[in-house]
Structures are given as structure tokens and as C-alpha cells.
Amino acid sequence: MSGAQWEYRPEGSGGPGHMQRVGSPGEYSRTRQAYRGYLDHRATCPDCGRSACAAAEGLWQAYAKAQSGDDE
């Protein structure tokens, strides 16, 4: 995640907190949109059975790229 930052998250029952990496709203939206495209394709594609077709593989790669924040 290129737009990620670290935020402190306190624990609920008085235990020690921890740092958690969080993404920006725009980055989250891009990642969610890419994943939704992949899921929608897999749900409707007649060629996607137990394994993904070439188009689904491309959509999965787009999702993985969005998730990693790789803009190349």
C-alpha cells in the first residue's frame, strides 16, 4: 500500500495496544473495485469453473497490483 500509514489501535480490555497499517480511502476504494471486478467476472463467466480463465487471471493480477499499491 503506497498511501498507507501506521495508526495506534488500543486493545479493548486494558491490554497493550498495537500499531496497525491502514490505507487511504482512495486506495481502499481502488482495491475494493478491483476485487469486485474479479468476483463479478468469476460469478458470470462460463469459462471459469474450478479454475480461473485468462481474463479472470488478468483481473486477479489487477487486484493484487491495487492491493500492493504498485503503480507501475
C-alpha atoms as a PDB file:
ATOM      1  CA  MET A   1       0.000   0.000   0.000  1.00  0.00           C
ATOM      2  CA  SER A   2       1.686   3.143  -1.151  1.00  0.00           C
ATOM      3  CA  GLY A   3      -0.680   5.519   0.681  1.00  0.00           C
ATOM      4  CA  ALA A   4      -0.537   3.509   3.877  1.00  0.00           C
ATOM      5  CA  GLN A   5       0.260   4.872   7.265  1.00  0.00           C
ATOM      6  CA  TRP A   6       0.551   3.453  10.766  1.00  0.00           C
ATOM      7  CA  GLU A   7      -2.098   4.080  13.420  1.00  0.00           C
ATOM      8  CA  TYR A   8      -2.195   3.101  17.065  1.00  0.00           C
ATOM      9  CA  ARG A   9      -5.041   0.711  17.943  1.00  0.00           C
ATOM     10  CA  PRO A  10      -5.728   0.293  21.658  1.00  0.00           C
ATOM     11  CA  GLU A  11      -6.760  -3.130  22.899  1.00  0.00           C
ATOM     12  CA  GLY A  12     -10.249  -3.458  24.329  1.00  0.00           C
ATOM     13  CA  SER A  13      -9.713  -4.913  27.825  1.00  0.00           C
ATOM     14  CA  GLY A  14      -6.900  -2.773  29.121  1.00  0.00           C
ATOM     15  CA  GLY A  15      -4.187  -4.783  27.392  1.00  0.00           C
ATOM     16  CA  PRO A  16      -1.362  -3.228  25.433  1.00  0.00           C
ATOM     17  CA  GLY A  17      -2.250  -1.632  22.119  1.00  0.00           C
ATOM     18  CA  HIS A  18      -0.552  -2.187  18.796  1.00  0.00           C
ATOM     19  CA  MET A  19       0.315  -0.357  15.603  1.00  0.00           C
ATOM     20  CA  GLN A  20      -1.770  -1.226  12.538  1.00  0.00           C
ATOM     21  CA  ARG A  21      -1.091  -0.327   8.932  1.00  0.00           C
ATOM     22  CA  VAL A  22      -4.060   1.386   7.264  1.00  0.00           C
ATOM     23  CA  GLY A  23      -4.627   2.624   3.723  1.00  0.00           C
ATOM     24  CA  SER A  24      -6.128   5.843   2.473  1.00  0.00           C
ATOM     25  CA  PRO A  25      -9.836   5.907   1.492  1.00  0.00           C
ATOM     26  CA  GLY A  26      -8.943   6.269  -2.205  1.00  0.00           C
ATOM     27  CA  GLU A  27      -6.575   3.342  -2.047  1.00  0.00           C
ATOM     28  CA  TYR A  28      -9.181   1.218  -0.290  1.00  0.00           C
ATOM     29  CA  SER A  29     -11.745   2.109  -2.959  1.00  0.00           C
ATOM     30  CA  ARG A  30      -9.409   1.121  -5.820  1.00  0.00           C
ATOM     31  CA  THR A  31      -8.593  -2.181  -4.155  1.00  0.00           C
ATOM     32  CA  ARG A  32     -12.244  -2.929  -3.454  1.00  0.00           C
ATOM     33  CA  GLN A  33     -13.252  -2.049  -7.017  1.00  0.00           C
ATOM     34  CA  ALA A  34     -10.575  -4.347  -8.470  1.00  0.00           C
ATOM     35  CA  TYR A  35     -11.654  -7.236  -6.224  1.00  0.00           C
ATOM     36  CA  ARG A  36     -15.333  -6.670  -7.067  1.00  0.00           C
ATOM     37  CA  GLY A  37     -14.457  -6.818 -10.789  1.00  0.00           C
ATOM     38  CA  TYR A  38     -12.740 -10.161 -10.250  1.00  0.00           C
ATOM     39  CA  LEU A  39     -15.647 -11.590  -8.229  1.00  0.00           C
ATOM     40  CA  ASP A  40     -18.261 -10.366 -10.706  1.00  0.00           C
ATOM     41  CA  HIS A  41     -16.353 -11.945 -13.572  1.00  0.00           C
ATOM     42  CA  ARG A  42     -15.948 -15.294 -11.812  1.00  0.00           C
ATOM     43  CA  ALA A  43     -19.656 -15.350 -10.960  1.00  0.00           C
ATOM     44  CA  THR A  44     -20.794 -14.831 -14.562  1.00  0.00           C
ATOM     45  CA  CYS A  45     -18.056 -16.276 -16.790  1.00  0.00           C
ATOM     46  CA  PRO A  46     -18.989 -19.594 -18.415  1.00  0.00           C
ATOM     47  CA  ASP A  47     -15.275 -20.464 -18.805  1.00  0.00           C
ATOM     48  CA  CYS A  48     -14.480 -20.051 -15.105  1.00  0.00           C
ATOM     49  CA  GLY A  49     -15.224 -23.295 -13.360  1.00  0.00           C
ATOM     50  CA  ARG A  50     -12.897 -24.666 -10.720  1.00  0.00           C
ATOM     51  CA  SER A  51     -10.057 -22.634 -12.218  1.00  0.00           C
ATOM     52  CA  ALA A  52      -9.907 -19.085 -13.498  1.00  0.00           C
ATOM     53  CA  CYS A  53      -9.901 -18.272 -17.204  1.00  0.00           C
ATOM     54  CA  ALA A  54      -7.283 -15.945 -18.717  1.00  0.00           C
ATOM     55  CA  ALA A  55      -9.487 -12.876 -18.241  1.00  0.00           C
ATOM     56  CA  ALA A  56     -10.039 -13.739 -14.568  1.00  0.00           C
ATOM     57  CA  GLU A  57      -6.299 -14.185 -14.098  1.00  0.00           C
ATOM     58  CA  GLY A  58      -5.778 -10.691 -15.501  1.00  0.00           C
ATOM     59  CA  LEU A  59      -8.410  -9.282 -13.141  1.00  0.00           C
ATOM     60  CA  TRP A  60      -6.752 -11.047 -10.215  1.00  0.00           C
ATOM     61  CA  GLN A  61      -3.399  -9.538 -11.175  1.00  0.00           C
ATOM     62  CA  ALA A  62      -5.034  -6.082 -11.305  1.00  0.00           C
ATOM     63  CA  TYR A  63      -6.420  -6.679  -7.804  1.00  0.00           C
ATOM     64  CA  ALA A  64      -3.040  -7.829  -6.493  1.00  0.00           C
ATOM     65  CA  LYS A  65      -1.402  -4.747  -8.038  1.00  0.00           C
ATOM     66  CA  ALA A  66      -4.005  -2.443  -6.458  1.00  0.00           C
ATOM     67  CA  GLN A  67      -3.584  -4.157  -3.099  1.00  0.00           C
ATOM     68  CA  SER A  68       0.180  -3.783  -3.133  1.00  0.00           C
ATOM     69  CA  GLY A  69      -0.021  -0.147  -4.200  1.00  0.00           C
ATOM     70  CA  ASP A  70       2.237  -0.842  -7.176  1.00  0.00           C
ATOM     71  CA  ASP A  71       1.523   1.929  -9.684  1.00  0.00           C
ATOM     72  CA  GLU A  72       3.861   0.676 -12.391  1.00  0.00           C
END
